[in-house]
Amino acid sequence: MVSQDDFLAIYHNTVERLYALVAAHTAGDRGLAEDVVQETYMRALSVWRRKGFPREPIAWLNTVALNLLRTHFRSLSRRERQAREQRTDSHESSSSPTPEKTVALCAALSQLPSQQIQLLEGFHVEGKRVSEMASETGLSERAVEGRLRRARVALRKKLRPLFRN
């Protein structure tokens, strides 16, 4: 049985990381990011009450949140996507992620092992230094750099077919 105190402890330990990940994939749409994070925790509460806590709660939360984003972007009508892109283009540079790029990235990330996802998110989304990640994982900095490099290569291989013309 999942206690309220245990759930709240996991929530407090993961909410900032989860929000940072989701916000990085919503092209500045704070409302969408907040909705996705809220829905993710609601699903966690429902599932974890029945099945217990997963071995890696943050990995479970990240997967659910990215799946929710994927579903959201797929469900947007063409007109909504165009309006969203125009709003994004007027507020950000042309290198900003589009919903299509976000969906592609989410799809590619979801195919990677959770350890690689965590490394990529830690470094690129959360802005952690390699030394910080090494101390968190108990690995040497060199090992973290190697694993991070392999994670980038794996992600690049997953993305390459999606962006060929």
Protein backbone atom coordinates (compact mmCIF):
# COMPACT_ATOMS: atom_id res chain seq x y z
CA MET A 1 0.00 0.00 0.00
CA VAL A 2 1.27 3.47 -0.87
CA SER A 3 1.11 5.89 2.02
CA GLN A 4 0.39 9.57 1.58
CA ASP A 5 3.67 10.46 3.30
CA ASP A 6 5.69 8.25 0.93
CA PHE A 7 3.94 9.72 -2.11
CA LEU A 8 4.52 13.27 -0.88
CA ALA A 9 8.19 12.51 -0.27
CA ILE A 10 8.59 11.30 -3.85
CA TYR A 11 6.63 14.32 -5.10
CA HIS A 12 8.90 16.76 -3.26
CA ASN A 13 12.02 14.96 -4.49
CA THR A 14 10.94 14.86 -8.13
CA VAL A 15 8.65 17.79 -8.94
CA GLU A 16 11.39 20.26 -9.89
CA ARG A 17 13.17 17.80 -12.19
CA LEU A 18 9.90 16.74 -13.80
CA TYR A 19 8.76 20.32 -14.35
CA ALA A 20 12.14 21.25 -15.86
CA LEU A 21 11.90 18.35 -18.29
CA VAL A 22 8.32 19.13 -19.31
CA ALA A 23 8.93 22.88 -19.58
CA ALA A 24 11.86 22.23 -21.90
CA HIS A 25 9.49 20.44 -24.29
CA THR A 26 6.56 22.88 -24.33
CA ALA A 27 8.07 25.79 -26.27
CA GLY A 28 7.46 28.20 -23.41
CA ASP A 29 3.84 27.20 -22.76
CA ARG A 30 3.85 27.37 -18.96
CA GLY A 31 0.17 26.40 -18.67
CA LEU A 32 0.72 23.25 -20.72
CA ALA A 33 3.79 22.36 -18.65
CA GLU A 34 1.86 22.76 -15.41
CA ASP A 35 -1.08 20.73 -16.74
CA VAL A 36 1.17 17.89 -17.87
CA VAL A 37 3.02 17.77 -14.55
CA GLN A 38 -0.25 17.77 -12.64
CA GLU A 39 -1.74 15.02 -14.80
CA THR A 40 1.45 12.97 -14.44
CA TYR A 41 1.22 13.03 -10.66
CA MET A 42 -2.49 12.24 -10.77
CA ARG A 43 -1.73 9.17 -12.86
CA ALA A 44 1.11 8.22 -10.56
CA LEU A 45 -1.16 8.39 -7.55
CA SER A 46 -3.77 6.22 -9.26
CA VAL A 47 -1.36 3.60 -10.60
CA TRP A 48 0.96 3.49 -7.60
CA ARG A 49 -1.97 2.92 -5.23
CA ARG A 50 -2.80 -0.23 -7.17
CA LYS A 51 0.66 -1.47 -8.12
CA GLY A 52 3.00 0.12 -5.60
CA PHE A 53 5.95 2.39 -6.30
CA PRO A 54 8.09 1.73 -9.37
CA ARG A 55 11.75 0.97 -8.85
CA GLU A 56 12.71 4.34 -10.35
CA PRO A 57 9.88 6.83 -9.72
CA ILE A 58 11.50 9.71 -11.65
CA ALA A 59 11.99 7.53 -14.73
CA TRP A 60 8.34 6.43 -14.52
CA LEU A 61 7.20 10.05 -14.13
CA ASN A 62 9.38 11.23 -17.02
CA THR A 63 8.00 8.54 -19.32
CA VAL A 64 4.39 9.33 -18.45
CA ALA A 65 4.95 13.08 -18.86
CA LEU A 66 6.64 12.69 -22.24
CA ASN A 67 3.84 10.37 -23.38
CA LEU A 68 1.26 12.95 -22.28
CA LEU A 69 3.10 15.62 -24.28
CA ARG A 70 3.26 13.36 -27.31
CA THR A 71 -0.48 12.72 -27.07
CA HIS A 72 -1.18 16.42 -26.65
CA PHE A 73 0.84 17.46 -29.70
CA ARG A 74 -0.64 14.70 -31.84
CA SER A 75 -4.16 15.78 -30.94
CA LEU A 76 -3.69 19.39 -31.97
CA SER A 77 -5.48 20.21 -35.16
CA ARG A 78 -3.47 21.57 -38.04
CA ARG A 79 -4.84 25.07 -37.42
CA GLU A 80 -3.88 24.94 -33.74
CA ARG A 81 -0.37 23.79 -34.63
CA GLN A 82 0.05 26.63 -37.12
CA ALA A 83 -1.25 29.21 -34.63
CA ARG A 84 1.06 27.83 -31.94
CA GLU A 85 4.05 27.93 -34.30
CA GLN A 86 3.29 31.53 -35.24
CA ARG A 87 3.07 32.53 -31.57
CA THR A 88 6.31 30.71 -30.86
CA ASP A 89 8.05 32.25 -33.87
CA SER A 90 7.03 35.75 -32.82
CA HIS A 91 8.38 35.27 -29.28
CA GLU A 92 11.46 33.13 -29.82
CA SER A 93 14.22 32.56 -32.33
CA SER A 94 13.81 30.31 -35.34
CA SER A 95 15.88 27.62 -33.59
CA SER A 96 13.16 27.18 -30.97
CA PRO A 97 11.58 23.74 -30.83
CA THR A 98 8.39 23.29 -32.80
CA PRO A 99 5.70 20.87 -31.61
CA GLU A 100 6.78 18.46 -34.33
CA LYS A 101 10.40 18.57 -33.17
CA THR A 102 9.25 18.11 -29.59
CA VAL A 103 7.20 15.06 -30.52
CA ALA A 104 10.13 13.61 -32.46
CA LEU A 105 12.49 14.22 -29.55
CA CYS A 106 10.03 12.68 -27.07
CA ALA A 107 9.57 9.66 -29.30
CA ALA A 108 13.31 9.19 -29.69
CA LEU A 109 13.98 9.68 -25.99
CA SER A 110 11.32 7.16 -25.02
CA GLN A 111 13.22 4.50 -26.98
CA LEU A 112 16.40 4.98 -24.95
CA PRO A 113 17.19 3.19 -21.68
CA SER A 114 16.19 5.19 -18.59
CA GLN A 115 19.84 5.61 -17.54
CA GLN A 116 20.65 7.35 -20.82
CA ILE A 117 17.55 9.54 -20.54
CA GLN A 118 18.55 10.59 -17.04
CA LEU A 119 22.07 11.49 -18.16
CA LEU A 120 20.82 13.55 -21.10
CA GLU A 121 18.20 15.32 -19.00
CA GLY A 122 20.62 15.97 -16.18
CA PHE A 123 23.21 17.54 -18.45
CA HIS A 124 21.12 19.26 -21.14
CA VAL A 125 17.86 20.09 -19.37
CA GLU A 126 18.83 20.52 -15.73
CA GLY A 127 22.24 22.02 -16.51
CA LYS A 128 24.19 19.70 -14.21
CA ARG A 129 27.95 19.53 -14.53
CA VAL A 130 29.66 16.22 -15.28
CA SER A 131 31.35 16.37 -11.87
CA GLU A 132 27.99 16.78 -10.16
CA MET A 133 26.52 13.87 -12.07
CA ALA A 134 29.54 11.75 -11.25
CA SER A 135 29.19 12.36 -7.52
CA GLU A 136 25.44 11.59 -7.69
CA THR A 137 25.96 8.30 -9.50
CA GLY A 138 29.18 7.19 -7.83
CA LEU A 139 30.93 7.01 -11.20
CA SER A 140 34.10 8.74 -12.29
CA GLU A 141 33.78 11.90 -14.36
CA ARG A 142 35.36 10.06 -17.26
CA ALA A 143 32.73 7.30 -17.02
CA VAL A 144 29.92 9.86 -16.97
CA GLU A 145 31.41 11.62 -20.01
CA GLY A 146 31.62 8.32 -21.88
CA ARG A 147 28.07 7.34 -21.00
CA LEU A 148 26.81 10.80 -21.91
CA ARG A 149 28.58 10.59 -25.26
CA ARG A 150 27.04 7.15 -25.94
CA ALA A 151 23.60 8.47 -24.95
CA ARG A 152 23.96 11.35 -27.44
CA VAL A 153 25.00 8.96 -30.19
CA ALA A 154 22.03 6.70 -29.43
CA LEU A 155 19.65 9.67 -29.46
CA ARG A 156 21.13 10.96 -32.72
CA LYS A 157 20.59 7.52 -34.32
CA LYS A 158 16.95 7.54 -33.20
CA LEU A 159 16.40 11.08 -34.53
CA ARG A 160 18.20 10.70 -37.87
CA PRO A 161 15.39 8.83 -39.68
CA LEU A 162 12.82 11.34 -38.44
CA PHE A 163 14.55 14.33 -40.04
CA ARG A 164 15.57 12.94 -43.42
CA ASN A 165 13.94 14.74 -46.32
